[in-house]
């Protein structure tokens, strides 16, 4: 929120009106505004109900444990890794949950600012039950028995996820759960689309079972329209953070539904409010 000369601008960033296990929903009690800059990431699609995604992941984790395998969950360091750990711990999952990489540093930062968490005590309990891996020796030891491994990077671009992928991808007892957005040209997207990973310059077929689950931190189509419906004032609306087609169509739909001046901006546009 930015206020200047009696004008108010609200920029959503990555907004979520439904919240998660870790974070409360976005607070839209912001008064009347003059310009809304809204993300359009999922403006053209709705997501699976979060509870269905959680149950699917829990079931998959238990299936992998039943066949004495390891479930690898490459995940974003910030919020996503902690959310996935919370889902598993609060389901009563009985096996070890390993966490590695930058996600461990994020855990400590979140614990320093409990006022931003939905339930700080529940999060502390989750972190207490997660096994932190801090070096390569611990990393190798962690894989000696069935467990869940949560480690960045979410798109398998780098980090310790690359090590776990190489160790776990070629055994059909294991599983890989993709819970993060997979951008074009990334190893994660390649795995999702082809079932292959690159090893020593060669594309090899993965033997582990691969599944994708929706845990996006972005509002979907219905939530974005709900947000705009509840915004006070008569703001101009800029649609951003989506592909050109999505931003343009979303702006058209906002105008059709609410009669507001909505548009997808071009680079170097100047907007007067």
Protein backbone atom coordinates (compact mmCIF):
# COMPACT_ATOMS: atom_id res chain seq x y z
CA UNK A 1 0.00 0.00 0.00
CA UNK A 2 1.31 3.45 -0.99
CA UNK A 3 -0.41 6.70 -0.06
CA UNK A 4 0.59 10.12 -1.41
CA UNK A 5 -1.21 13.39 -2.17
CA UNK A 6 -4.50 11.91 -0.95
CA UNK A 7 -4.24 9.06 -3.44
CA UNK A 8 -3.88 5.38 -2.49
CA UNK A 9 -2.23 2.66 -4.54
CA UNK A 10 -2.56 -1.01 -3.61
CA UNK A 11 -0.16 -3.51 -5.20
CA UNK A 12 -1.16 -7.11 -4.50
CA UNK A 13 2.15 -8.85 -5.16
CA UNK A 14 1.59 -12.61 -4.79
CA UNK A 15 -1.73 -12.54 -2.97
CA UNK A 16 -3.70 -15.38 -1.37
CA UNK A 17 -7.18 -14.79 0.03
CA UNK A 18 -7.60 -18.28 1.45
CA UNK A 19 -4.43 -18.55 3.49
CA UNK A 20 -2.49 -21.73 4.18
CA UNK A 21 -1.40 -23.81 7.14
CA UNK A 22 1.45 -21.37 7.67
CA UNK A 23 0.00 -17.97 6.82
CA UNK A 24 -3.37 -16.24 7.34
CA UNK A 25 -5.35 -14.99 4.33
CA UNK A 26 -4.59 -11.55 2.93
CA UNK A 27 -6.20 -8.69 4.85
CA UNK A 28 -8.17 -6.48 2.45
CA UNK A 29 -9.44 -4.06 5.08
CA UNK A 30 -7.56 -1.21 3.41
CA UNK A 31 -10.22 1.42 2.78
CA UNK A 32 -10.93 3.08 -0.55
CA UNK A 33 -8.15 2.99 -3.14
CA UNK A 34 -7.47 4.83 -6.39
CA UNK A 35 -5.23 2.36 -8.22
CA UNK A 36 -5.10 -1.42 -7.88
CA UNK A 37 -2.15 -3.27 -9.41
CA UNK A 38 -3.12 -6.93 -9.32
CA UNK A 39 -1.33 -10.12 -10.23
CA UNK A 40 -2.90 -12.20 -13.02
CA UNK A 41 -0.95 -15.42 -12.56
CA UNK A 42 -3.98 -17.72 -12.32
CA UNK A 43 -6.60 -15.28 -13.60
CA UNK A 44 -7.72 -17.77 -16.24
CA UNK A 45 -7.73 -20.95 -14.15
CA UNK A 46 -9.04 -22.27 -10.85
CA UNK A 47 -6.95 -24.50 -8.63
CA UNK A 48 -7.79 -27.77 -6.96
CA UNK A 49 -9.13 -27.29 -3.40
CA UNK A 50 -6.13 -27.13 -1.04
CA UNK A 51 -7.48 -29.98 1.11
CA UNK A 52 -7.52 -32.29 -1.93
CA UNK A 53 -3.89 -31.43 -2.69
CA UNK A 54 -2.90 -32.06 0.93
CA UNK A 55 -4.66 -35.42 1.05
CA UNK A 56 -3.11 -36.45 -2.25
CA UNK A 57 0.39 -35.65 -1.01
CA UNK A 58 -0.17 -37.43 2.32
CA UNK A 59 -1.46 -40.54 0.54
CA UNK A 60 1.50 -40.52 -1.86
CA UNK A 61 3.97 -40.17 1.03
CA UNK A 62 2.43 -43.12 2.84
CA UNK A 63 2.43 -45.23 -0.34
CA UNK A 64 6.16 -44.61 -0.81
CA UNK A 65 6.86 -45.47 2.85
CA UNK A 66 4.85 -48.69 2.52
CA UNK A 67 7.17 -49.87 -0.25
CA UNK A 68 10.26 -48.90 1.79
CA UNK A 69 11.20 -46.05 -0.49
CA UNK A 70 12.08 -42.38 -0.05
CA UNK A 71 9.86 -39.51 -1.14
CA UNK A 72 11.78 -36.52 -2.48
CA UNK A 73 9.97 -33.17 -2.48
CA UNK A 74 11.93 -30.41 -4.25
CA UNK A 75 10.48 -27.19 -2.91
CA UNK A 76 10.93 -23.43 -2.73
CA UNK A 77 12.91 -22.35 0.34
CA UNK A 78 10.48 -19.64 1.41
CA UNK A 79 7.05 -20.72 2.70
CA UNK A 80 6.56 -23.77 0.43
CA UNK A 81 9.02 -26.05 2.24
CA UNK A 82 7.54 -25.05 5.60
CA UNK A 83 3.98 -25.50 4.30
CA UNK A 84 4.72 -29.03 3.06
CA UNK A 85 6.34 -29.98 6.36
CA UNK A 86 3.29 -28.62 8.19
CA UNK A 87 0.93 -30.68 6.04
CA UNK A 88 2.81 -33.90 6.76
CA UNK A 89 3.40 -33.33 10.48
CA UNK A 90 -0.19 -32.30 11.15
CA UNK A 91 -1.48 -35.38 9.31
CA UNK A 92 0.20 -37.59 11.91
CA UNK A 93 2.80 -38.83 9.41
CA UNK A 94 4.89 -41.39 11.32
CA UNK A 95 8.13 -41.42 9.34
CA UNK A 96 11.11 -39.09 9.36
CA UNK A 97 10.81 -35.77 7.56
CA UNK A 98 14.20 -34.43 6.43
CA UNK A 99 14.73 -30.77 5.51
CA UNK A 100 17.84 -29.43 3.80
CA UNK A 101 19.31 -26.31 2.23
CA UNK A 102 18.18 -22.69 2.45
CA UNK A 103 14.80 -23.79 3.81
CA UNK A 104 16.52 -24.31 7.18
CA UNK A 105 17.59 -20.66 7.32
CA UNK A 106 14.08 -19.57 6.39
CA UNK A 107 12.74 -21.63 9.31
CA UNK A 108 14.83 -19.57 11.72
CA UNK A 109 13.74 -16.28 10.17
CA UNK A 110 10.07 -17.24 10.45
CA UNK A 111 10.52 -18.22 14.09
CA UNK A 112 11.90 -14.73 14.78
CA UNK A 113 8.71 -13.10 13.49
CA UNK A 114 5.84 -15.16 14.92
CA UNK A 115 3.39 -12.27 14.57
CA UNK A 116 3.17 -12.99 10.83
CA UNK A 117 2.32 -16.68 11.24
CA UNK A 118 -1.16 -18.13 11.50
CA UNK A 119 -0.26 -20.24 14.54
CA UNK A 120 3.32 -19.81 15.81
CA UNK A 121 3.12 -22.64 18.36
CA UNK A 122 1.96 -25.11 15.73
CA UNK A 123 4.82 -24.03 13.46
CA UNK A 124 7.35 -24.43 16.28
CA UNK A 125 6.07 -27.97 16.81
CA UNK A 126 6.47 -28.72 13.10
CA UNK A 127 10.07 -27.48 13.08
CA UNK A 128 10.86 -29.49 16.22
CA UNK A 129 9.73 -32.65 14.45
CA UNK A 130 11.66 -32.03 11.24
CA UNK A 131 15.20 -33.43 11.01
CA UNK A 132 17.64 -30.77 9.77
CA UNK A 133 20.43 -31.89 7.46
CA UNK A 134 23.46 -29.61 7.58
CA UNK A 135 26.28 -31.32 5.67
CA UNK A 136 27.04 -33.99 3.10
CA UNK A 137 27.70 -36.69 5.70
CA UNK A 138 24.25 -36.14 7.22
CA UNK A 139 22.78 -36.02 3.71
CA UNK A 140 24.11 -39.49 2.88
CA UNK A 141 23.06 -40.86 6.26
CA UNK A 142 19.52 -39.52 5.81
CA UNK A 143 18.96 -41.74 2.79
CA UNK A 144 19.80 -45.02 4.52
CA UNK A 145 16.17 -45.63 5.53
CA UNK A 146 12.71 -44.60 4.25
CA UNK A 147 11.89 -40.93 4.80
CA UNK A 148 10.55 -37.78 3.19
CA UNK A 149 13.17 -35.29 1.99
CA UNK A 150 12.17 -31.63 1.50
CA UNK A 151 14.89 -29.60 -0.19
CA UNK A 152 15.29 -26.59 -2.50
CA UNK A 153 15.42 -25.85 -5.33
CA UNK A 154 11.77 -26.23 -6.22
CA UNK A 155 12.41 -26.40 -9.97
CA UNK A 156 15.48 -28.64 -9.56
CA UNK A 157 17.69 -25.88 -10.98
CA UNK A 158 20.31 -26.16 -8.24
CA UNK A 159 20.88 -26.53 -4.54
CA UNK A 160 20.93 -29.81 -2.69
CA UNK A 161 17.91 -30.95 -4.68
CA UNK A 162 20.27 -31.95 -7.47
CA UNK A 163 22.05 -34.39 -5.16
CA UNK A 164 18.81 -35.95 -3.96
CA UNK A 165 17.49 -36.22 -7.51
CA UNK A 166 20.57 -38.13 -8.65
CA UNK A 167 20.43 -40.44 -5.64
CA UNK A 168 16.70 -41.20 -5.71
CA UNK A 169 15.43 -40.86 -9.27
CA UNK A 170 16.52 -44.26 -10.57
CA UNK A 171 14.86 -46.58 -8.04
CA UNK A 172 11.22 -47.49 -8.55
CA UNK A 173 10.63 -47.75 -4.80
CA UNK A 174 11.09 -43.99 -4.53
CA UNK A 175 8.80 -41.10 -5.37
CA UNK A 176 9.20 -37.48 -6.42
CA UNK A 177 6.45 -35.01 -5.50
CA UNK A 178 6.55 -31.73 -7.41
CA UNK A 179 4.82 -29.09 -5.28
CA UNK A 180 6.27 -25.93 -6.85
CA UNK A 181 5.68 -24.14 -10.13
CA UNK A 182 7.87 -25.59 -12.89
CA UNK A 183 9.06 -22.87 -15.24
CA UNK A 184 9.77 -23.48 -18.91
CA UNK A 185 13.30 -24.69 -19.56
CA UNK A 186 13.91 -25.93 -16.02
CA UNK A 187 14.89 -29.49 -15.05
CA UNK A 188 11.65 -29.75 -13.08
CA UNK A 189 9.55 -28.92 -16.14
CA UNK A 190 11.55 -31.41 -18.20
CA UNK A 191 10.96 -34.12 -15.60
CA UNK A 192 7.24 -33.34 -15.51
CA UNK A 193 6.81 -33.35 -19.28
CA UNK A 194 9.18 -36.15 -20.33
CA UNK A 195 9.89 -38.22 -17.23
CA UNK A 196 13.61 -37.69 -17.88
CA UNK A 197 16.50 -35.95 -16.13
CA UNK A 198 19.93 -35.04 -17.44
CA UNK A 199 22.82 -36.94 -15.88
CA UNK A 200 26.39 -36.48 -17.09
CA UNK A 201 25.19 -35.01 -20.36
CA UNK A 202 22.65 -37.76 -21.06
CA UNK A 203 18.86 -37.76 -20.70
CA UNK A 204 17.87 -40.74 -18.58
CA UNK A 205 14.39 -42.06 -17.83
CA UNK A 206 13.44 -41.67 -14.19
CA UNK A 207 12.35 -44.87 -12.43
CA UNK A 208 10.89 -43.17 -9.36
CA UNK A 209 7.16 -42.41 -9.42
CA UNK A 210 6.56 -38.72 -10.19
CA UNK A 211 3.42 -36.80 -9.20
CA UNK A 212 2.53 -33.12 -9.14
CA UNK A 213 0.44 -31.42 -6.45
CA UNK A 214 -0.96 -27.89 -6.41
CA UNK A 215 0.27 -25.77 -3.50
CA UNK A 216 0.46 -22.38 -5.16
CA UNK A 217 0.67 -19.25 -3.05
CA UNK A 218 -1.16 -17.28 -5.76
CA UNK A 219 -4.89 -16.54 -5.78
CA UNK A 220 -6.79 -18.38 -8.49
CA UNK A 221 -9.46 -16.99 -10.84
CA UNK A 222 -12.38 -17.09 -8.41
CA UNK A 223 -10.31 -15.57 -5.59
CA UNK A 224 -9.07 -12.72 -7.78
CA UNK A 225 -12.60 -11.79 -8.78
CA UNK A 226 -13.66 -12.06 -5.13
CA UNK A 227 -10.87 -9.65 -4.18
CA UNK A 228 -11.90 -7.09 -6.81
CA UNK A 229 -15.55 -7.37 -5.79
CA UNK A 230 -14.61 -6.44 -2.22
CA UNK A 231 -12.20 -3.61 -3.02
CA UNK A 232 -13.65 -0.27 -1.96
CA UNK A 233 -13.64 2.84 -4.08
CA UNK A 234 -13.67 3.16 -7.85
CA UNK A 235 -10.05 2.33 -8.68
CA UNK A 236 -8.28 2.02 -11.96
CA UNK A 237 -6.95 -1.53 -12.23
CA UNK A 238 -3.69 -2.68 -13.80
CA UNK A 239 -3.31 -6.40 -14.48
CA UNK A 240 0.29 -7.64 -14.23
CA UNK A 241 2.35 -10.77 -13.39
CA UNK A 242 0.86 -13.02 -16.05
CA UNK A 243 1.45 -13.73 -19.73
CA UNK A 244 0.26 -11.05 -22.15
CA UNK A 245 -2.88 -12.95 -23.13
CA UNK A 246 -3.92 -13.60 -19.51
CA UNK A 247 -3.33 -10.01 -18.40
CA UNK A 248 -5.29 -8.60 -21.34
CA UNK A 249 -8.21 -11.00 -20.98
CA UNK A 250 -8.36 -10.50 -17.20
CA UNK A 251 -8.57 -6.73 -17.66
CA UNK A 252 -11.39 -7.15 -20.18
CA UNK A 253 -13.29 -9.41 -17.79
CA UNK A 254 -12.88 -6.98 -14.89
CA UNK A 255 -14.37 -4.20 -17.01
CA UNK A 256 -17.23 -6.45 -18.13
CA UNK A 257 -18.07 -7.66 -14.61
CA UNK A 258 -17.53 -4.52 -12.55
CA UNK A 259 -17.50 -1.61 -14.99
CA UNK A 260 -14.07 -0.52 -13.76
CA UNK A 261 -11.31 1.01 -15.87
CA UNK A 262 -9.01 -2.02 -16.17
CA UNK A 263 -6.06 -2.52 -18.50
CA UNK A 264 -2.89 -4.52 -19.04
CA UNK A 265 -0.04 -1.97 -19.08
CA UNK A 266 2.78 -1.81 -21.57
CA UNK A 267 6.41 -1.12 -20.69
CA UNK A 268 6.99 2.62 -20.11
CA UNK A 269 3.28 3.40 -19.75
CA UNK A 270 2.51 6.35 -17.47
CA UNK A 271 -0.70 6.10 -15.45
CA UNK A 272 -2.32 9.17 -13.92
CA UNK A 273 -4.63 8.76 -10.92
